[in-house]
Amino acid sequence: MDPARRRQFDHLGTAKRELLSWAVANEVPLVRVEFVVPFVPTDFDAAVWLFFDTDANVARCASNGVTARLEQEFRTILARSGHPADWLAGTSFYVDSHENVERNYEGSYFYRLR
């Protein structure tokens, strides 16, 4: 694997672990974080998926600012880990629920992220 791509995966993996720990400590019903990157050698954008436990919590966290706080926390962790600013600018977020994955994607996050 290209060293730059490995570095990107390392940064995203660190941010994923730290965000999930932050969510537990702050009693946020975030149950999973996934990321998808394009496999184009010069494109270091990343789509970050935040999965809450239920559809109701997706709506609640969006309305009370928790989702925006999670996104900011993830970006802060990435920046702190040395994630380049141009890569950080290409980071986008999507939100869904584990409940939806179970109901509409046979419980498969692979199917959901396709």
N, C-alpha and C. Protein backbone atom coordinates (compact mmCIF):
# COMPACT_ATOMS: atom_id res chain seq x y z
N MET A 1 0.85 -1.18 0.00
CA MET A 1 0.00 0.00 0.00
C MET A 1 0.89 1.24 0.00
N ASP A 2 0.44 2.23 -0.74
CA ASP A 2 1.15 3.50 -0.81
C ASP A 2 1.31 4.08 0.61
N PRO A 3 2.49 4.60 0.96
CA PRO A 3 2.69 5.16 2.31
C PRO A 3 1.73 6.28 2.67
N ALA A 4 1.37 7.12 1.71
CA ALA A 4 0.41 8.20 2.01
C ALA A 4 -0.96 7.63 2.33
N ARG A 5 -1.39 6.61 1.61
CA ARG A 5 -2.70 6.00 1.88
C ARG A 5 -2.66 5.30 3.24
N ARG A 6 -1.56 4.63 3.56
CA ARG A 6 -1.41 3.98 4.88
C ARG A 6 -1.53 5.03 5.98
N ARG A 7 -0.88 6.19 5.77
CA ARG A 7 -0.95 7.27 6.76
C ARG A 7 -2.39 7.75 6.92
N GLN A 8 -3.11 7.88 5.80
CA GLN A 8 -4.51 8.29 5.87
C GLN A 8 -5.33 7.29 6.68
N PHE A 9 -5.16 6.01 6.40
CA PHE A 9 -5.88 4.97 7.15
C PHE A 9 -5.53 5.01 8.63
N ASP A 10 -4.25 5.23 8.94
CA ASP A 10 -3.85 5.32 10.34
C ASP A 10 -4.54 6.48 11.04
N HIS A 11 -4.57 7.64 10.38
CA HIS A 11 -5.23 8.81 10.98
C HIS A 11 -6.73 8.56 11.17
N LEU A 12 -7.38 8.02 10.14
CA LEU A 12 -8.82 7.76 10.22
C LEU A 12 -9.12 6.70 11.29
N GLY A 13 -8.29 5.68 11.38
CA GLY A 13 -8.49 4.65 12.40
C GLY A 13 -8.35 5.20 13.81
N THR A 14 -7.37 6.06 14.01
CA THR A 14 -7.20 6.70 15.31
C THR A 14 -8.41 7.56 15.64
N ALA A 15 -8.85 8.35 14.67
CA ALA A 15 -10.02 9.22 14.90
C ALA A 15 -11.26 8.39 15.20
N LYS A 16 -11.43 7.29 14.52
CA LYS A 16 -12.58 6.40 14.75
C LYS A 16 -12.57 5.89 16.20
N ARG A 17 -11.44 5.36 16.64
CA ARG A 17 -11.34 4.83 18.00
C ARG A 17 -11.58 5.91 19.05
N GLU A 18 -10.94 7.05 18.84
CA GLU A 18 -11.08 8.14 19.82
C GLU A 18 -12.49 8.71 19.85
N LEU A 19 -13.13 8.81 18.70
CA LEU A 19 -14.50 9.33 18.67
C LEU A 19 -15.46 8.39 19.37
N LEU A 20 -15.31 7.10 19.16
CA LEU A 20 -16.18 6.13 19.84
C LEU A 20 -15.97 6.20 21.36
N SER A 21 -14.74 6.36 21.80
CA SER A 21 -14.47 6.52 23.24
C SER A 21 -15.08 7.81 23.77
N TRP A 22 -14.95 8.88 22.98
CA TRP A 22 -15.54 10.16 23.38
C TRP A 22 -17.05 10.02 23.52
N ALA A 23 -17.66 9.32 22.58
CA ALA A 23 -19.12 9.13 22.61
C ALA A 23 -19.55 8.38 23.87
N VAL A 24 -18.83 7.34 24.23
CA VAL A 24 -19.15 6.58 25.44
C VAL A 24 -19.03 7.49 26.66
N ALA A 25 -17.93 8.23 26.76
CA ALA A 25 -17.70 9.11 27.91
C ALA A 25 -18.75 10.20 28.02
N ASN A 26 -19.34 10.60 26.88
CA ASN A 26 -20.33 11.68 26.87
C ASN A 26 -21.76 11.18 26.70
N GLU A 27 -21.94 9.87 26.84
CA GLU A 27 -23.26 9.23 26.77
C GLU A 27 -23.99 9.55 25.47
N VAL A 28 -23.26 9.51 24.37
CA VAL A 28 -23.82 9.72 23.04
C VAL A 28 -24.08 8.33 22.44
N PRO A 29 -25.27 8.09 21.89
CA PRO A 29 -25.62 6.76 21.38
C PRO A 29 -25.02 6.42 20.01
N LEU A 30 -23.75 6.75 19.84
CA LEU A 30 -23.02 6.42 18.62
C LEU A 30 -22.52 4.98 18.77
N VAL A 31 -22.87 4.14 17.81
CA VAL A 31 -22.51 2.72 17.94
C VAL A 31 -21.45 2.26 16.95
N ARG A 32 -21.23 3.05 15.91
CA ARG A 32 -20.27 2.61 14.90
C ARG A 32 -19.83 3.81 14.06
N VAL A 33 -18.57 3.77 13.64
CA VAL A 33 -18.02 4.77 12.73
C VAL A 33 -17.33 4.00 11.61
N GLU A 34 -17.65 4.33 10.38
CA GLU A 34 -17.02 3.71 9.22
C GLU A 34 -16.50 4.82 8.31
N PHE A 35 -15.52 4.51 7.51
CA PHE A 35 -15.05 5.49 6.54
C PHE A 35 -14.79 4.80 5.21
N VAL A 36 -14.98 5.57 4.16
CA VAL A 36 -14.76 5.10 2.79
C VAL A 36 -13.89 6.14 2.10
N VAL A 37 -12.85 5.64 1.43
CA VAL A 37 -11.96 6.54 0.69
C VAL A 37 -11.93 6.09 -0.77
N PRO A 38 -11.74 7.03 -1.67
CA PRO A 38 -11.61 6.64 -3.08
C PRO A 38 -10.23 6.03 -3.32
N PHE A 39 -10.20 4.99 -4.12
CA PHE A 39 -8.91 4.38 -4.42
C PHE A 39 -8.34 4.95 -5.71
N VAL A 40 -8.14 6.25 -5.65
CA VAL A 40 -7.49 7.01 -6.71
C VAL A 40 -6.22 7.54 -6.04
N PRO A 41 -5.06 7.23 -6.57
CA PRO A 41 -3.81 7.56 -5.88
C PRO A 41 -3.65 9.00 -5.44
N THR A 42 -4.28 9.93 -6.10
CA THR A 42 -4.10 11.34 -5.76
C THR A 42 -5.28 11.95 -5.00
N ASP A 43 -6.28 11.15 -4.66
CA ASP A 43 -7.49 11.65 -3.99
C ASP A 43 -7.54 11.13 -2.56
N PHE A 44 -7.39 12.04 -1.60
CA PHE A 44 -7.39 11.65 -0.20
C PHE A 44 -8.62 12.15 0.54
N ASP A 45 -9.73 12.32 -0.19
CA ASP A 45 -11.00 12.62 0.46
C ASP A 45 -11.43 11.41 1.29
N ALA A 46 -12.35 11.63 2.19
CA ALA A 46 -12.89 10.53 2.99
C ALA A 46 -14.35 10.81 3.32
N ALA A 47 -15.17 9.79 3.17
CA ALA A 47 -16.57 9.85 3.60
C ALA A 47 -16.64 9.12 4.94
N VAL A 48 -17.05 9.83 5.96
CA VAL A 48 -17.13 9.26 7.31
C VAL A 48 -18.60 9.06 7.64
N TRP A 49 -18.93 7.85 8.02
CA TRP A 49 -20.31 7.48 8.37
C TRP A 49 -20.42 7.32 9.87
N LEU A 50 -21.37 8.04 10.46
CA LEU A 50 -21.65 7.96 11.88
C LEU A 50 -22.96 7.22 12.06
N PHE A 51 -22.93 6.13 12.80
CA PHE A 51 -24.13 5.33 13.02
C PHE A 51 -24.57 5.41 14.47
N PHE A 52 -25.79 5.93 14.66
CA PHE A 52 -26.40 5.93 15.98
C PHE A 52 -27.18 4.63 16.15
N ASP A 53 -27.64 4.37 17.36
CA ASP A 53 -28.34 3.12 17.60
C ASP A 53 -29.72 3.07 16.94
N THR A 54 -30.47 4.14 16.99
CA THR A 54 -31.84 4.14 16.45
C THR A 54 -32.09 5.34 15.54
N ASP A 55 -33.14 5.22 14.73
CA ASP A 55 -33.56 6.33 13.88
C ASP A 55 -33.95 7.54 14.73
N ALA A 56 -34.60 7.28 15.85
CA ALA A 56 -35.02 8.37 16.73
C ALA A 56 -33.82 9.14 17.25
N ASN A 57 -32.74 8.44 17.57
CA ASN A 57 -31.54 9.13 18.06
C ASN A 57 -30.81 9.87 16.94
N VAL A 58 -30.93 9.41 15.71
CA VAL A 58 -30.38 10.16 14.57
C VAL A 58 -31.04 11.54 14.54
N ALA A 59 -32.36 11.55 14.62
CA ALA A 59 -33.11 12.81 14.56
C ALA A 59 -32.83 13.68 15.79
N ARG A 60 -32.81 13.07 16.96
CA ARG A 60 -32.58 13.83 18.20
C ARG A 60 -31.20 14.46 18.21
N CYS A 61 -30.18 13.68 17.82
CA CYS A 61 -28.81 14.20 17.84
C CYS A 61 -28.57 15.26 16.77
N ALA A 62 -29.30 15.17 15.67
CA ALA A 62 -29.19 16.21 14.64
C ALA A 62 -29.81 17.51 15.15
N SER A 63 -30.93 17.40 15.84
CA SER A 63 -31.64 18.61 16.27
C SER A 63 -30.99 19.28 17.48
N ASN A 64 -30.31 18.53 18.33
CA ASN A 64 -29.73 19.14 19.52
C ASN A 64 -28.23 19.47 19.37
N GLY A 65 -27.70 19.29 18.17
CA GLY A 65 -26.31 19.68 17.91
C GLY A 65 -25.27 18.62 18.19
N VAL A 66 -25.68 17.46 18.66
CA VAL A 66 -24.72 16.40 18.97
C VAL A 66 -24.01 15.90 17.71
N THR A 67 -24.74 15.77 16.62
CA THR A 67 -24.12 15.30 15.38
C THR A 67 -23.04 16.27 14.92
N ALA A 68 -23.32 17.55 14.95
CA ALA A 68 -22.32 18.55 14.57
C ALA A 68 -21.11 18.49 15.51
N ARG A 69 -21.37 18.25 16.78
CA ARG A 69 -20.27 18.14 17.77
C ARG A 69 -19.40 16.92 17.46
N LEU A 70 -20.01 15.80 17.07
CA LEU A 70 -19.25 14.60 16.70
C LEU A 70 -18.37 14.87 15.48
N GLU A 71 -18.94 15.53 14.50
CA GLU A 71 -18.17 15.86 13.30
C GLU A 71 -16.98 16.74 13.65
N GLN A 72 -17.20 17.73 14.47
CA GLN A 72 -16.11 18.63 14.88
C GLN A 72 -15.06 17.87 15.68
N GLU A 73 -15.49 17.01 16.56
CA GLU A 73 -14.55 16.22 17.37
C GLU A 73 -13.70 15.33 16.47
N PHE A 74 -14.31 14.71 15.48
CA PHE A 74 -13.58 13.86 14.54
C PHE A 74 -12.53 14.67 13.79
N ARG A 75 -12.92 15.84 13.31
CA ARG A 75 -11.98 16.72 12.60
C ARG A 75 -10.83 17.16 13.51
N THR A 76 -11.14 17.46 14.76
CA THR A 76 -10.12 17.87 15.72
C THR A 76 -9.12 16.74 15.96
N ILE A 77 -9.62 15.54 16.12
CA ILE A 77 -8.74 14.38 16.32
C ILE A 77 -7.84 14.18 15.11
N LEU A 78 -8.42 14.28 13.91
CA LEU A 78 -7.62 14.14 12.69
C LEU A 78 -6.52 15.19 12.63
N ALA A 79 -6.88 16.44 12.89
CA ALA A 79 -5.89 17.53 12.83
C ALA A 79 -4.78 17.30 13.85
N ARG A 80 -5.16 16.88 15.04
CA ARG A 80 -4.19 16.64 16.10
C ARG A 80 -3.23 15.50 15.74
N SER A 81 -3.72 14.54 14.95
CA SER A 81 -2.88 13.40 14.57
C SER A 81 -1.95 13.72 13.41
N GLY A 82 -2.05 14.94 12.86
CA GLY A 82 -1.19 15.33 11.76
C GLY A 82 -1.79 15.12 10.39
N HIS A 83 -3.09 14.88 10.35
CA HIS A 83 -3.79 14.73 9.08
C HIS A 83 -3.64 16.02 8.28
N PRO A 84 -3.12 15.98 7.06
CA PRO A 84 -2.91 17.21 6.28
C PRO A 84 -4.20 18.01 6.08
N ALA A 85 -4.06 19.31 6.08
CA ALA A 85 -5.22 20.20 5.97
C ALA A 85 -6.00 19.97 4.68
N ASP A 86 -5.31 19.71 3.56
CA ASP A 86 -6.04 19.49 2.31
C ASP A 86 -6.82 18.18 2.35
N TRP A 87 -6.32 17.18 3.06
CA TRP A 87 -7.08 15.94 3.22
C TRP A 87 -8.28 16.20 4.13
N LEU A 88 -8.07 16.96 5.18
CA LEU A 88 -9.14 17.28 6.12
C LEU A 88 -10.27 18.02 5.43
N ALA A 89 -9.94 18.92 4.51
CA ALA A 89 -10.95 19.67 3.77
C ALA A 89 -11.84 18.76 2.94
N GLY A 90 -11.32 17.60 2.55
CA GLY A 90 -12.08 16.65 1.74
C GLY A 90 -12.82 15.60 2.55
N THR A 91 -12.98 15.85 3.85
CA THR A 91 -13.69 14.90 4.71
C THR A 91 -15.16 15.30 4.80
N SER A 92 -16.04 14.36 4.46
CA SER A 92 -17.49 14.62 4.54
C SER A 92 -18.12 13.61 5.48
N PHE A 93 -19.29 13.95 5.99
CA PHE A 93 -19.95 13.11 6.98
C PHE A 93 -21.35 12.72 6.53
N TYR A 94 -21.73 11.51 6.90
CA TYR A 94 -23.06 10.97 6.65
C TYR A 94 -23.52 10.32 7.93
N VAL A 95 -24.81 10.35 8.16
CA VAL A 95 -25.37 9.83 9.41
C VAL A 95 -26.46 8.84 9.10
N ASP A 96 -26.48 7.76 9.85
CA ASP A 96 -27.52 6.73 9.71
C ASP A 96 -27.64 6.03 11.05
N SER A 97 -28.48 4.99 11.08
CA SER A 97 -28.67 4.25 12.33
C SER A 97 -28.43 2.76 12.12
N HIS A 98 -28.05 2.13 13.20
CA HIS A 98 -27.93 0.67 13.19
C HIS A 98 -29.30 0.05 12.91
N GLU A 99 -30.32 0.68 13.44
CA GLU A 99 -31.70 0.21 13.21
C GLU A 99 -32.00 0.15 11.71
N ASN A 100 -31.60 1.16 10.96
CA ASN A 100 -31.83 1.17 9.52
C ASN A 100 -31.01 0.09 8.81
N VAL A 101 -29.78 -0.10 9.24
CA VAL A 101 -28.94 -1.15 8.65
C VAL A 101 -29.59 -2.51 8.85
N GLU A 102 -30.09 -2.75 10.04
CA GLU A 102 -30.78 -4.02 10.32
C GLU A 102 -32.03 -4.18 9.46
N ARG A 103 -32.81 -3.14 9.38
CA ARG A 103 -34.10 -3.19 8.69
C ARG A 103 -33.97 -3.27 7.17
N ASN A 104 -33.04 -2.52 6.60
CA ASN A 104 -33.00 -2.37 5.14
C ASN A 104 -31.77 -2.93 4.43
N TYR A 105 -30.78 -3.38 5.19
CA TYR A 105 -29.54 -3.85 4.56
C TYR A 105 -29.09 -5.20 5.13
N GLU A 106 -30.03 -5.99 5.58
CA GLU A 106 -29.76 -7.33 6.09
C GLU A 106 -28.73 -7.30 7.23
N GLY A 107 -28.66 -6.18 7.95
CA GLY A 107 -27.71 -6.05 9.04
C GLY A 107 -26.28 -5.87 8.59
N SER A 108 -26.07 -5.62 7.31
CA SER A 108 -24.72 -5.54 6.76
C SER A 108 -24.29 -4.09 6.52
N TYR A 109 -23.26 -3.67 7.21
CA TYR A 109 -22.71 -2.34 6.97
C TYR A 109 -22.04 -2.28 5.60
N PHE A 110 -21.51 -3.40 5.13
CA PHE A 110 -20.93 -3.47 3.79
C PHE A 110 -21.98 -3.09 2.76
N TYR A 111 -23.18 -3.69 2.87
CA TYR A 111 -24.26 -3.34 1.94
C TYR A 111 -24.66 -1.89 2.06
N ARG A 112 -24.70 -1.38 3.28
CA ARG A 112 -25.12 0.01 3.50
C ARG A 112 -24.13 1.00 2.89
N LEU A 113 -22.86 0.70 2.96
CA LEU A 113 -21.85 1.64 2.49
C LEU A 113 -21.60 1.56 0.99
N ARG A 114 -22.17 0.58 0.32
CA ARG A 114 -21.96 0.43 -1.13
C ARG A 114 -22.66 1.49 -1.92
